[in-house]
C-alpha cells in the first residue's frame, strides 16, 4: 500500500498583518520617490486612481464618498482634494460627474510607467501564479476586514 505524505503545515514566522505592513511601508517609500519625480502628492495620486476605479461617469457624490473612504478623509476634505485636482487641470467635474482630464490620464500613465519599471525589478523573478495568489488573498482579506467594520 502506498502512503501519500502531505507536508506538515509550515508555521508563520511573523503574523500576516506584520508582513503586509512591512511590505506596504517599503513599497510606499518607493512610490513616494516616483511621485516626487512628477510633483504629485500621494493623496492626489490615490484620488486619481480611485476615479479610474470608479469609471467614467461616476457621480461627484460617489466620487467624494469613495475617495473619503479609501483615503480616510471626511467628505469636506475629500471635496477639497478633488477641487485641487480640478484646479490643477487633472480632473473635471461636469453635470454631477467627475472624471480625469486628458492631462490627468497622461500623468497617471507617466506614473504608471515609472511604477512599472520599479515593480518589474521587484516582481520579475516571481512566478505570475504566485503573485496572483497573493493578490487574490489580499483582496479577500480586504473584503473580510471591511465586513468586520
Protein backbone atom coordinates (compact mmCIF):
# COMPACT_ATOMS: atom_id res chain seq x y z
CA UNK A 1 0.00 0.00 0.00
CA UNK A 2 1.35 3.39 -0.96
CA UNK A 3 1.04 6.09 1.60
CA UNK A 4 0.76 9.67 0.40
CA UNK A 5 2.66 12.08 2.55
CA UNK A 6 1.40 15.58 2.97
CA UNK A 7 3.78 18.31 4.00
CA UNK A 8 3.36 19.50 7.55
CA UNK A 9 1.81 22.88 7.89
CA UNK A 10 4.55 25.46 7.98
CA UNK A 11 4.12 27.83 10.91
CA UNK A 12 4.13 31.53 10.16
CA UNK A 13 7.40 33.19 11.00
CA UNK A 14 5.67 36.55 11.50
CA UNK A 15 1.99 37.49 11.58
CA UNK A 16 0.37 38.16 8.19
CA UNK A 17 -0.56 41.71 9.20
CA UNK A 18 3.02 42.48 10.12
CA UNK A 19 4.31 41.11 6.81
CA UNK A 20 1.71 43.14 4.87
CA UNK A 21 2.55 46.26 6.88
CA UNK A 22 6.27 45.87 6.27
CA UNK A 23 5.73 45.38 2.54
CA UNK A 24 3.37 48.35 2.39
CA UNK A 25 5.92 50.55 4.15
CA UNK A 26 8.78 49.83 1.76
CA UNK A 27 6.52 49.94 -1.30
CA UNK A 28 5.14 53.30 -0.12
CA UNK A 29 8.69 54.65 0.10
CA UNK A 30 9.41 53.51 -3.45
CA UNK A 31 6.13 55.05 -4.59
CA UNK A 32 6.98 58.32 -2.84
CA UNK A 33 10.14 58.52 -4.92
CA UNK A 34 8.21 58.01 -8.15
CA UNK A 35 5.59 60.59 -7.15
CA UNK A 36 8.26 63.12 -6.16
CA UNK A 37 9.64 62.96 -9.70
CA UNK A 38 6.27 64.12 -11.05
CA UNK A 39 5.49 66.56 -8.25
CA UNK A 40 2.36 64.60 -7.33
CA UNK A 41 1.24 64.08 -3.75
CA UNK A 42 0.30 60.59 -2.58
CA UNK A 43 -3.25 61.74 -1.82
CA UNK A 44 -3.67 63.27 -5.27
CA UNK A 45 -2.39 60.13 -6.96
CA UNK A 46 -4.60 57.86 -4.87
CA UNK A 47 -7.64 60.06 -5.54
CA UNK A 48 -6.93 59.86 -9.27
CA UNK A 49 -6.63 56.06 -9.03
CA UNK A 50 -9.97 55.90 -7.23
CA UNK A 51 -11.59 57.94 -10.01
CA UNK A 52 -10.21 55.47 -12.53
CA UNK A 53 -11.52 52.55 -10.44
CA UNK A 54 -14.98 54.14 -10.35
CA UNK A 55 -15.01 54.55 -14.13
CA UNK A 56 -16.24 57.31 -16.38
CA UNK A 57 -19.41 58.99 -15.33
CA UNK A 58 -19.06 58.43 -11.60
CA UNK A 59 -21.25 60.85 -9.74
CA UNK A 60 -19.45 63.53 -7.81
CA UNK A 61 -21.13 62.32 -4.61
CA UNK A 62 -19.99 58.73 -5.23
CA UNK A 63 -16.51 60.00 -6.03
CA UNK A 64 -16.26 62.01 -2.82
CA UNK A 65 -17.60 59.14 -0.73
CA UNK A 66 -15.17 56.68 -2.34
CA UNK A 67 -12.13 58.97 -2.07
CA UNK A 68 -13.08 59.76 1.51
CA UNK A 69 -13.42 56.08 2.41
CA UNK A 70 -10.18 54.88 0.84
CA UNK A 71 -8.07 57.87 1.89
CA UNK A 72 -9.68 58.12 5.34
CA UNK A 73 -11.00 61.64 4.74
CA UNK A 74 -14.32 63.19 5.64
CA UNK A 75 -16.45 64.39 2.74
CA UNK A 76 -15.38 68.07 3.00
CA UNK A 77 -11.68 67.07 2.96
CA UNK A 78 -12.30 64.75 0.00
CA UNK A 79 -14.04 67.65 -1.72
CA UNK A 80 -11.06 69.93 -1.16
CA UNK A 81 -8.75 67.25 -2.56
CA UNK A 82 -10.88 66.82 -5.69
CA UNK A 83 -11.20 70.62 -6.02
CA UNK A 84 -7.40 70.80 -6.00
CA UNK A 85 -7.23 68.22 -8.77
CA UNK A 86 -9.76 70.25 -10.75
CA UNK A 87 -7.70 73.41 -10.20
CA UNK A 88 -4.60 71.55 -11.41
CA UNK A 89 -6.43 70.54 -14.58
CA UNK A 90 -6.28 66.81 -13.76
CA UNK A 91 -9.96 66.22 -13.04
CA UNK A 92 -13.13 67.68 -14.45
CA UNK A 93 -16.47 67.85 -12.70
CA UNK A 94 -19.40 68.42 -15.05
CA UNK A 95 -23.10 67.67 -14.79
CA UNK A 96 -22.59 65.99 -11.43
CA UNK A 97 -19.90 63.58 -12.61
CA UNK A 98 -16.15 63.51 -12.03
CA UNK A 99 -13.53 62.17 -14.41
CA UNK A 100 -9.87 62.52 -15.22
CA UNK A 101 -8.96 65.01 -17.90
CA UNK A 102 -6.52 64.20 -20.70
CA UNK A 103 -3.79 65.78 -18.54
CA UNK A 104 -4.86 63.58 -15.62
CA UNK A 105 -4.75 60.46 -17.78
CA UNK A 106 -1.32 61.48 -19.11
CA UNK A 107 0.02 61.98 -15.57
CA UNK A 108 -1.42 58.63 -14.49
CA UNK A 109 0.23 56.93 -17.47
CA UNK A 110 3.57 58.61 -16.69
CA UNK A 111 3.40 57.47 -13.07
CA UNK A 112 2.29 54.00 -14.20
CA UNK A 113 5.32 53.68 -16.48
CA UNK A 114 7.69 54.69 -13.68
CA UNK A 115 5.98 52.36 -11.21
CA UNK A 116 6.14 49.57 -13.80
CA UNK A 117 9.91 49.95 -14.04
CA UNK A 118 10.24 49.64 -10.26
CA UNK A 119 7.84 46.73 -9.90
CA UNK A 120 9.47 44.84 -12.77
CA UNK A 121 12.64 44.75 -10.68
CA UNK A 122 10.70 43.63 -7.60
CA UNK A 123 8.35 41.08 -9.13
CA UNK A 124 10.30 39.88 -12.18
CA UNK A 125 11.63 36.68 -10.62
CA UNK A 126 8.31 35.61 -9.07
CA UNK A 127 6.01 33.10 -10.70
CA UNK A 128 3.00 35.08 -12.02
CA UNK A 129 0.66 32.49 -10.46
CA UNK A 130 2.23 33.13 -7.04
CA UNK A 131 1.75 36.87 -7.47
CA UNK A 132 -1.88 36.35 -8.50
CA UNK A 133 -2.44 34.11 -5.46
CA UNK A 134 -1.04 36.88 -3.26
CA UNK A 135 -3.30 39.49 -4.85
CA UNK A 136 -6.34 37.23 -4.53
CA UNK A 137 -5.56 36.53 -0.87
CA UNK A 138 -5.06 40.23 -0.08
CA UNK A 139 -8.31 41.14 -1.84
CA UNK A 140 -10.17 38.56 0.24
CA UNK A 141 -8.53 39.83 3.44
CA UNK A 142 -9.64 43.35 2.48
CA UNK A 143 -13.21 42.21 1.83
CA UNK A 144 -13.38 40.34 5.13
CA UNK A 145 -11.89 43.25 7.06
CA UNK A 146 -14.44 45.63 5.54
CA UNK A 147 -17.24 43.29 6.63
CA UNK A 148 -15.99 43.46 10.23
CA UNK A 149 -16.17 47.26 10.41
